[in-house]
């Protein structure tokens, strides 16, 4: 009876350890995702259809733009052009789904729009996601944390 209890305790401990140590594909612990996502994220690298955007295209669309993930599941996206003039701001609600493999953003504007980012890496200072805009546009975005 004592041996069975010890065996069950070992099995349960091992299962708990496996679940709690689950990692994203390219790095980062899933168990820390709610903590690590909070902060201001700048675009570090954008790849569209397996081609990295050139410096001029990157600067025009992403270099001065950022995303703020707040506690309480609110995300604020700010888009600036190359001259650092604000072009658009959007607010969304975010949630992790599918065992934290996806980060879903539902925007507050009408008509409701939802983005589903496949999280590849999430650490204290790096967030890598992939998503398909439609059947022909596939993106990989690498963010770097600007502020906590």
N, C-alpha and C. Protein backbone atom coordinates (compact mmCIF):
# COMPACT_ATOMS: atom_id res chain seq x y z
N UNK A 1 0.82 -1.18 0.00
CA UNK A 1 0.00 0.00 0.00
C UNK A 1 0.88 1.27 0.00
N UNK A 2 1.91 1.29 0.80
CA UNK A 2 2.83 2.43 0.84
C UNK A 2 3.61 2.54 -0.47
N UNK A 3 4.01 1.39 -1.03
CA UNK A 3 4.73 1.40 -2.31
C UNK A 3 3.83 1.95 -3.42
N UNK A 4 2.58 1.58 -3.41
CA UNK A 4 1.64 2.07 -4.42
C UNK A 4 1.46 3.59 -4.29
N UNK A 5 1.35 4.09 -3.09
CA UNK A 5 1.23 5.53 -2.86
C UNK A 5 2.47 6.27 -3.35
N UNK A 6 3.64 5.73 -3.05
CA UNK A 6 4.89 6.35 -3.51
C UNK A 6 4.95 6.35 -5.03
N UNK A 7 4.55 5.24 -5.63
CA UNK A 7 4.54 5.12 -7.08
C UNK A 7 3.58 6.16 -7.70
N UNK A 8 2.37 6.25 -7.16
CA UNK A 8 1.39 7.21 -7.66
C UNK A 8 1.87 8.65 -7.47
N UNK A 9 2.50 8.92 -6.34
CA UNK A 9 3.04 10.25 -6.09
C UNK A 9 4.11 10.59 -7.12
N UNK A 10 4.97 9.63 -7.43
CA UNK A 10 6.00 9.85 -8.46
C UNK A 10 5.38 10.10 -9.83
N UNK A 11 4.38 9.32 -10.18
CA UNK A 11 3.71 9.48 -11.49
C UNK A 11 3.03 10.84 -11.57
N UNK A 12 2.29 11.23 -10.54
CA UNK A 12 1.60 12.51 -10.53
C UNK A 12 2.62 13.66 -10.58
N UNK A 13 3.70 13.55 -9.83
CA UNK A 13 4.74 14.58 -9.84
C UNK A 13 5.37 14.71 -11.22
N UNK A 14 5.64 13.58 -11.86
CA UNK A 14 6.24 13.60 -13.20
C UNK A 14 5.29 14.24 -14.21
N UNK A 15 4.01 13.90 -14.13
CA UNK A 15 3.02 14.50 -15.03
C UNK A 15 2.91 16.00 -14.81
N UNK A 16 2.88 16.43 -13.56
CA UNK A 16 2.82 17.85 -13.25
C UNK A 16 4.05 18.56 -13.80
N UNK A 17 5.21 17.97 -13.64
CA UNK A 17 6.45 18.55 -14.14
C UNK A 17 6.43 18.67 -15.66
N UNK A 18 5.94 17.65 -16.34
CA UNK A 18 5.86 17.69 -17.80
C UNK A 18 4.92 18.78 -18.28
N UNK A 19 3.76 18.90 -17.65
CA UNK A 19 2.78 19.91 -18.05
C UNK A 19 3.30 21.31 -17.75
N UNK A 20 3.87 21.51 -16.59
CA UNK A 20 4.32 22.84 -16.20
C UNK A 20 5.58 23.27 -16.95
N UNK A 21 6.31 22.35 -17.56
CA UNK A 21 7.53 22.68 -18.28
C UNK A 21 7.31 22.76 -19.79
N UNK A 22 6.07 22.78 -20.22
CA UNK A 22 5.75 22.84 -21.64
C UNK A 22 6.31 24.14 -22.22
N UNK A 23 7.01 24.01 -23.35
CA UNK A 23 7.67 25.16 -23.98
C UNK A 23 7.08 25.46 -25.33
N UNK A 24 7.26 26.72 -25.75
CA UNK A 24 6.90 27.09 -27.12
C UNK A 24 7.92 26.49 -28.07
N UNK A 25 7.53 26.36 -29.33
CA UNK A 25 8.35 25.70 -30.34
C UNK A 25 9.77 26.27 -30.44
N UNK A 26 9.89 27.61 -30.43
CA UNK A 26 11.20 28.25 -30.58
C UNK A 26 11.74 28.82 -29.27
N UNK A 27 11.08 28.52 -28.15
CA UNK A 27 11.60 28.94 -26.86
C UNK A 27 10.60 29.68 -26.00
N UNK A 28 10.82 29.60 -24.72
CA UNK A 28 9.96 30.26 -23.74
C UNK A 28 9.01 29.26 -23.10
N UNK A 29 8.73 29.47 -21.84
CA UNK A 29 7.86 28.58 -21.08
C UNK A 29 6.40 29.04 -21.23
N UNK A 30 5.54 28.11 -21.58
CA UNK A 30 4.11 28.43 -21.71
C UNK A 30 3.53 28.86 -20.37
N UNK A 31 4.03 28.31 -19.29
CA UNK A 31 3.49 28.64 -17.97
C UNK A 31 3.73 30.11 -17.61
N UNK A 32 4.70 30.76 -18.25
CA UNK A 32 5.02 32.16 -17.97
C UNK A 32 4.42 33.12 -18.99
N UNK A 33 3.61 32.61 -19.90
CA UNK A 33 3.13 33.44 -21.01
C UNK A 33 2.29 34.63 -20.55
N UNK A 34 1.41 34.47 -19.59
CA UNK A 34 0.57 35.58 -19.12
C UNK A 34 1.42 36.68 -18.49
N UNK A 35 2.49 36.31 -17.85
CA UNK A 35 3.39 37.29 -17.24
C UNK A 35 4.28 37.94 -18.30
N UNK A 36 4.84 37.12 -19.19
CA UNK A 36 5.80 37.62 -20.17
C UNK A 36 5.18 38.50 -21.25
N UNK A 37 3.91 38.31 -21.55
CA UNK A 37 3.27 39.07 -22.64
C UNK A 37 3.07 40.54 -22.28
N UNK A 38 2.94 40.84 -20.99
CA UNK A 38 2.65 42.21 -20.55
C UNK A 38 3.84 43.12 -20.84
N UNK A 39 3.54 44.23 -21.53
CA UNK A 39 4.57 45.22 -21.84
C UNK A 39 4.38 45.80 -23.23
N UNK A 40 5.35 46.62 -23.64
CA UNK A 40 5.32 47.27 -24.95
C UNK A 40 6.29 46.54 -25.87
N UNK A 41 5.79 46.11 -27.03
CA UNK A 41 6.55 45.31 -27.97
C UNK A 41 6.73 46.07 -29.29
N UNK A 42 7.98 46.17 -29.73
CA UNK A 42 8.29 46.78 -31.02
C UNK A 42 8.59 45.70 -32.04
N UNK A 43 8.36 46.03 -33.31
CA UNK A 43 8.62 45.09 -34.40
C UNK A 43 10.12 45.06 -34.68
N UNK A 44 10.71 43.87 -34.58
CA UNK A 44 12.15 43.73 -34.84
C UNK A 44 12.41 43.17 -36.24
N UNK A 45 11.54 42.26 -36.69
CA UNK A 45 11.74 41.61 -37.98
C UNK A 45 10.38 41.14 -38.49
N UNK A 46 10.12 41.36 -39.78
CA UNK A 46 8.88 40.91 -40.39
C UNK A 46 9.20 40.15 -41.67
N UNK A 47 8.67 38.94 -41.78
CA UNK A 47 8.87 38.11 -42.96
C UNK A 47 7.49 37.86 -43.58
N UNK A 48 7.38 38.15 -44.87
CA UNK A 48 6.13 37.92 -45.59
C UNK A 48 6.38 36.91 -46.70
N UNK A 49 5.64 35.81 -46.67
CA UNK A 49 5.80 34.74 -47.66
C UNK A 49 7.27 34.32 -47.82
N UNK A 50 7.94 34.07 -46.69
CA UNK A 50 9.32 33.59 -46.64
C UNK A 50 10.35 34.60 -47.13
N UNK A 51 9.96 35.86 -47.34
CA UNK A 51 10.91 36.90 -47.74
C UNK A 51 10.92 37.99 -46.68
N UNK A 52 12.10 38.26 -46.13
CA UNK A 52 12.20 39.32 -45.13
C UNK A 52 11.94 40.66 -45.80
N UNK A 53 11.14 41.50 -45.15
CA UNK A 53 10.85 42.80 -45.74
C UNK A 53 12.13 43.64 -45.77
N UNK A 54 12.32 44.36 -46.86
CA UNK A 54 13.51 45.19 -47.02
C UNK A 54 13.47 46.33 -46.01
N UNK A 55 14.60 46.98 -45.81
CA UNK A 55 14.68 48.09 -44.85
C UNK A 55 13.65 49.16 -45.14
N UNK A 56 13.46 49.54 -46.41
CA UNK A 56 12.54 50.62 -46.73
C UNK A 56 11.09 50.22 -46.45
N UNK A 57 10.69 49.00 -46.82
CA UNK A 57 9.32 48.54 -46.55
C UNK A 57 9.11 48.38 -45.05
N UNK A 58 10.10 47.83 -44.36
CA UNK A 58 10.00 47.66 -42.91
C UNK A 58 9.84 49.02 -42.24
N UNK A 59 10.69 49.98 -42.63
CA UNK A 59 10.63 51.31 -42.01
C UNK A 59 9.29 51.98 -42.27
N UNK A 60 8.75 51.80 -43.46
CA UNK A 60 7.47 52.44 -43.82
C UNK A 60 6.30 51.88 -43.02
N UNK A 61 6.32 50.61 -42.71
CA UNK A 61 5.15 49.98 -42.08
C UNK A 61 5.32 49.55 -40.63
N UNK A 62 6.54 49.30 -40.18
CA UNK A 62 6.70 48.67 -38.86
C UNK A 62 7.71 49.32 -37.92
N UNK A 63 8.72 50.00 -38.43
CA UNK A 63 9.86 50.42 -37.60
C UNK A 63 9.45 51.25 -36.38
N UNK A 64 8.43 52.08 -36.49
CA UNK A 64 8.04 52.94 -35.37
C UNK A 64 6.70 52.55 -34.76
N UNK A 65 6.18 51.41 -35.17
CA UNK A 65 4.90 50.92 -34.65
C UNK A 65 5.15 49.98 -33.48
N UNK A 66 4.12 49.78 -32.67
CA UNK A 66 4.29 48.91 -31.51
C UNK A 66 2.95 48.37 -31.03
N UNK A 67 3.02 47.37 -30.16
CA UNK A 67 1.85 46.76 -29.54
C UNK A 67 2.07 46.79 -28.03
N UNK A 68 1.06 47.21 -27.29
CA UNK A 68 1.11 47.18 -25.83
C UNK A 68 0.12 46.12 -25.36
N UNK A 69 0.62 45.13 -24.63
CA UNK A 69 -0.24 44.14 -23.99
C UNK A 69 -0.33 44.51 -22.51
N UNK A 70 -1.54 44.80 -22.06
CA UNK A 70 -1.75 45.19 -20.68
C UNK A 70 -2.26 44.00 -19.87
N UNK A 71 -2.11 44.10 -18.55
CA UNK A 71 -2.76 43.11 -17.68
C UNK A 71 -4.26 43.27 -17.88
N UNK A 72 -4.98 42.19 -17.77
CA UNK A 72 -6.42 42.27 -17.95
C UNK A 72 -6.84 42.04 -19.39
N UNK A 73 -5.94 41.56 -20.23
CA UNK A 73 -6.25 41.13 -21.59
C UNK A 73 -6.58 42.23 -22.58
N UNK A 74 -6.06 43.44 -22.39
CA UNK A 74 -6.25 44.53 -23.35
C UNK A 74 -4.95 44.72 -24.13
N UNK A 75 -5.09 44.82 -25.47
CA UNK A 75 -3.94 45.10 -26.34
C UNK A 75 -4.21 46.40 -27.08
N UNK A 76 -3.18 47.22 -27.22
CA UNK A 76 -3.28 48.48 -27.95
C UNK A 76 -2.22 48.47 -29.04
N UNK A 77 -2.66 48.58 -30.30
CA UNK A 77 -1.76 48.58 -31.45
C UNK A 77 -1.68 49.99 -32.01
N UNK A 78 -0.48 50.49 -32.22
CA UNK A 78 -0.26 51.83 -32.76
C UNK A 78 0.61 51.71 -33.99
N UNK A 79 0.12 52.26 -35.10
CA UNK A 79 0.82 52.18 -36.39
C UNK A 79 1.33 53.56 -36.77
N UNK A 80 2.64 53.68 -36.97
CA UNK A 80 3.28 54.93 -37.37
C UNK A 80 3.95 54.74 -38.72
N UNK A 81 4.01 55.82 -39.50
CA UNK A 81 4.71 55.72 -40.79
C UNK A 81 6.20 56.03 -40.58
N UNK A 82 6.96 56.06 -41.67
CA UNK A 82 8.41 56.27 -41.59
C UNK A 82 8.76 57.62 -40.99
N UNK A 83 7.86 58.61 -41.12
CA UNK A 83 8.09 59.94 -40.55
C UNK A 83 7.63 60.01 -39.09
N UNK A 84 7.26 58.87 -38.52
CA UNK A 84 6.80 58.73 -37.15
C UNK A 84 5.51 59.49 -36.88
N UNK A 85 4.65 59.56 -37.89
CA UNK A 85 3.33 60.18 -37.76
C UNK A 85 2.32 59.05 -37.55
N UNK A 86 1.50 59.20 -36.52
CA UNK A 86 0.51 58.17 -36.19
C UNK A 86 -0.47 58.00 -37.34
N UNK A 87 -0.62 56.77 -37.81
CA UNK A 87 -1.54 56.45 -38.90
C UNK A 87 -2.83 55.82 -38.40
N UNK A 88 -2.72 54.96 -37.39
CA UNK A 88 -3.90 54.25 -36.90
C UNK A 88 -3.62 53.69 -35.51
N UNK A 89 -4.67 53.66 -34.69
CA UNK A 89 -4.61 52.99 -33.39
C UNK A 89 -5.79 52.04 -33.30
N UNK A 90 -5.54 50.87 -32.73
CA UNK A 90 -6.59 49.88 -32.55
C UNK A 90 -6.49 49.31 -31.14
N UNK A 91 -7.64 48.97 -30.58
CA UNK A 91 -7.70 48.32 -29.28
C UNK A 91 -8.33 46.95 -29.47
N UNK A 92 -7.78 45.97 -28.78
CA UNK A 92 -8.28 44.60 -28.89
C UNK A 92 -8.26 43.93 -27.52
N UNK A 93 -9.02 42.86 -27.43
CA UNK A 93 -8.95 41.97 -26.28
C UNK A 93 -8.13 40.77 -26.72
N UNK A 94 -7.19 40.33 -25.88
CA UNK A 94 -6.37 39.17 -26.25
C UNK A 94 -6.56 38.02 -25.27
N UNK A 95 -6.38 36.82 -25.79
CA UNK A 95 -6.48 35.62 -24.97
C UNK A 95 -5.62 34.53 -25.60
N UNK A 96 -5.00 33.72 -24.75
CA UNK A 96 -4.25 32.55 -25.22
C UNK A 96 -5.22 31.39 -25.36
N UNK A 97 -5.13 30.63 -26.47
CA UNK A 97 -5.99 29.47 -26.68
C UNK A 97 -5.13 28.29 -27.14
N UNK A 98 -5.76 27.13 -27.25
CA UNK A 98 -5.11 25.90 -27.72
C UNK A 98 -3.81 25.63 -26.97
N UNK A 99 -3.92 25.50 -25.66
CA UNK A 99 -2.77 25.22 -24.80
C UNK A 99 -1.68 26.28 -24.98
N UNK A 100 -2.12 27.53 -25.13
CA UNK A 100 -1.26 28.71 -25.26
C UNK A 100 -0.45 28.71 -26.56
N UNK A 101 -0.85 27.90 -27.53
CA UNK A 101 -0.17 27.91 -28.82
C UNK A 101 -0.63 29.07 -29.69
N UNK A 102 -1.83 29.57 -29.43
CA UNK A 102 -2.37 30.67 -30.22
C UNK A 102 -2.66 31.86 -29.32
N UNK A 103 -2.42 33.03 -29.88
CA UNK A 103 -2.75 34.28 -29.22
C UNK A 103 -3.81 34.95 -30.08
N UNK A 104 -5.04 35.01 -29.58
CA UNK A 104 -6.16 35.57 -30.35
C UNK A 104 -6.38 37.02 -29.92
N UNK A 105 -6.52 37.89 -30.91
CA UNK A 105 -6.84 39.29 -30.68
C UNK A 105 -8.17 39.59 -31.35
N UNK A 106 -9.13 40.08 -30.58
CA UNK A 106 -10.43 40.47 -31.10
C UNK A 106 -10.52 41.99 -30.96
N UNK A 107 -10.64 42.67 -32.10
CA UNK A 107 -10.62 44.13 -32.11
C UNK A 107 -11.97 44.72 -31.74
N UNK A 108 -11.93 45.89 -31.11
CA UNK A 108 -13.13 46.53 -30.60
C UNK A 108 -13.95 47.24 -31.68
N UNK A 109 -13.37 47.48 -32.83
CA UNK A 109 -14.06 48.24 -33.87
C UNK A 109 -15.05 47.37 -34.64
N UNK A 110 -15.99 48.04 -35.30
CA UNK A 110 -16.98 47.33 -36.10
C UNK A 110 -16.55 47.37 -37.55
N UNK A 111 -16.66 46.33 -38.34
CA UNK A 111 -17.10 45.00 -37.91
C UNK A 111 -16.00 44.31 -37.10
N UNK A 112 -16.43 43.45 -36.20
CA UNK A 112 -15.47 42.75 -35.35
C UNK A 112 -14.48 41.97 -36.20
N UNK A 113 -13.24 42.08 -35.85
CA UNK A 113 -12.18 41.39 -36.58
C UNK A 113 -11.35 40.62 -35.56
N UNK A 114 -10.93 39.42 -35.94
CA UNK A 114 -10.12 38.59 -35.05
C UNK A 114 -8.86 38.17 -35.78
N UNK A 115 -7.72 38.31 -35.08
CA UNK A 115 -6.45 37.78 -35.57
C UNK A 115 -6.09 36.59 -34.71
N UNK A 116 -5.54 35.55 -35.33
CA UNK A 116 -5.03 34.41 -34.59
C UNK A 116 -3.55 34.26 -34.91
N UNK A 117 -2.74 34.58 -33.92
CA UNK A 117 -1.30 34.45 -34.07
C UNK A 117 -0.87 33.11 -33.48
N UNK A 118 -0.08 32.36 -34.21
CA UNK A 118 0.53 31.13 -33.69
C UNK A 118 1.82 31.54 -32.99
N UNK A 119 1.87 31.33 -31.69
CA UNK A 119 3.03 31.76 -30.90
C UNK A 119 4.15 30.73 -31.08
N UNK A 120 5.28 31.20 -31.55
CA UNK A 120 6.46 30.34 -31.74
C UNK A 120 7.47 30.52 -30.61
N UNK A 121 7.54 31.73 -30.07
CA UNK A 121 8.49 32.02 -28.98
C UNK A 121 7.88 33.13 -28.13
N UNK A 122 7.97 32.97 -26.82
CA UNK A 122 7.56 34.02 -25.90
C UNK A 122 8.42 33.92 -24.65
N UNK A 123 9.33 34.87 -24.54
CA UNK A 123 10.20 34.97 -23.37
C UNK A 123 9.96 36.34 -22.75
N UNK A 124 10.77 36.71 -21.77
CA UNK A 124 10.61 38.02 -21.14
C UNK A 124 10.81 39.16 -22.13
N UNK A 125 11.64 38.95 -23.16
CA UNK A 125 11.92 40.06 -24.07
C UNK A 125 11.80 39.73 -25.56
N UNK A 126 11.24 38.56 -25.91
CA UNK A 126 11.03 38.21 -27.32
C UNK A 126 9.67 37.55 -27.50
N UNK A 127 8.99 37.96 -28.58
CA UNK A 127 7.71 37.37 -28.96
C UNK A 127 7.77 37.13 -30.47
N UNK A 128 7.68 35.87 -30.88
CA UNK A 128 7.66 35.52 -32.30
C UNK A 128 6.31 34.88 -32.60
N UNK A 129 5.65 35.38 -33.64
CA UNK A 129 4.35 34.85 -34.03
C UNK A 129 4.30 34.63 -35.54
N UNK A 130 3.40 33.76 -35.95
CA UNK A 130 3.12 33.54 -37.36
C UNK A 130 1.62 33.61 -37.56
N UNK A 131 1.21 34.13 -38.71
CA UNK A 131 -0.22 34.14 -39.04
C UNK A 131 -0.40 34.29 -40.54
N UNK A 132 -1.56 33.86 -40.99
CA UNK A 132 -1.93 33.97 -42.40
C UNK A 132 -2.99 35.06 -42.51
N UNK A 133 -2.73 36.07 -43.34
CA UNK A 133 -3.70 37.14 -43.53
C UNK A 133 -4.83 36.69 -44.45
N UNK A 134 -4.47 35.90 -45.42
CA UNK A 134 -5.44 35.26 -46.32
C UNK A 134 -4.74 34.04 -46.92
N UNK A 135 -5.27 33.50 -47.99
CA UNK A 135 -4.68 32.28 -48.56
C UNK A 135 -3.30 32.50 -49.18
N UNK A 136 -2.94 33.76 -49.45
CA UNK A 136 -1.67 34.02 -50.14
C UNK A 136 -0.66 34.81 -49.32
N UNK A 137 -1.07 35.41 -48.21
CA UNK A 137 -0.14 36.20 -47.40
C UNK A 137 0.12 35.53 -46.06
N UNK A 138 1.35 35.08 -45.86
CA UNK A 138 1.76 34.48 -44.60
C UNK A 138 2.85 35.34 -43.98
N UNK A 139 2.70 35.60 -42.69
CA UNK A 139 3.64 36.47 -41.98
C UNK A 139 4.30 35.74 -40.83
N UNK A 140 5.54 36.14 -40.57
CA UNK A 140 6.26 35.78 -39.34
C UNK A 140 6.77 37.11 -38.80
N UNK A 141 6.35 37.41 -37.57
CA UNK A 141 6.75 38.68 -36.96
C UNK A 141 7.54 38.37 -35.69
N UNK A 142 8.66 39.04 -35.57
CA UNK A 142 9.49 38.92 -34.36
C UNK A 142 9.46 40.27 -33.66
N UNK A 143 8.93 40.26 -32.43
CA UNK A 143 8.85 41.46 -31.61
C UNK A 143 9.97 41.43 -30.58
N UNK A 144 10.36 42.60 -30.13
CA UNK A 144 11.28 42.72 -29.01
C UNK A 144 10.62 43.64 -27.98
N UNK A 145 10.78 43.30 -26.71
CA UNK A 145 10.13 44.10 -25.67
C UNK A 145 10.88 45.41 -25.50
N UNK A 146 10.12 46.50 -25.60
CA UNK A 146 10.68 47.85 -25.43
C UNK A 146 10.60 48.29 -23.98
N UNK A 147 9.46 47.97 -23.32
CA UNK A 147 9.26 48.32 -21.90
C UNK A 147 8.39 47.26 -21.26
N UNK A 148 8.62 47.06 -19.98
CA UNK A 148 7.78 46.12 -19.23
C UNK A 148 6.57 46.84 -18.69
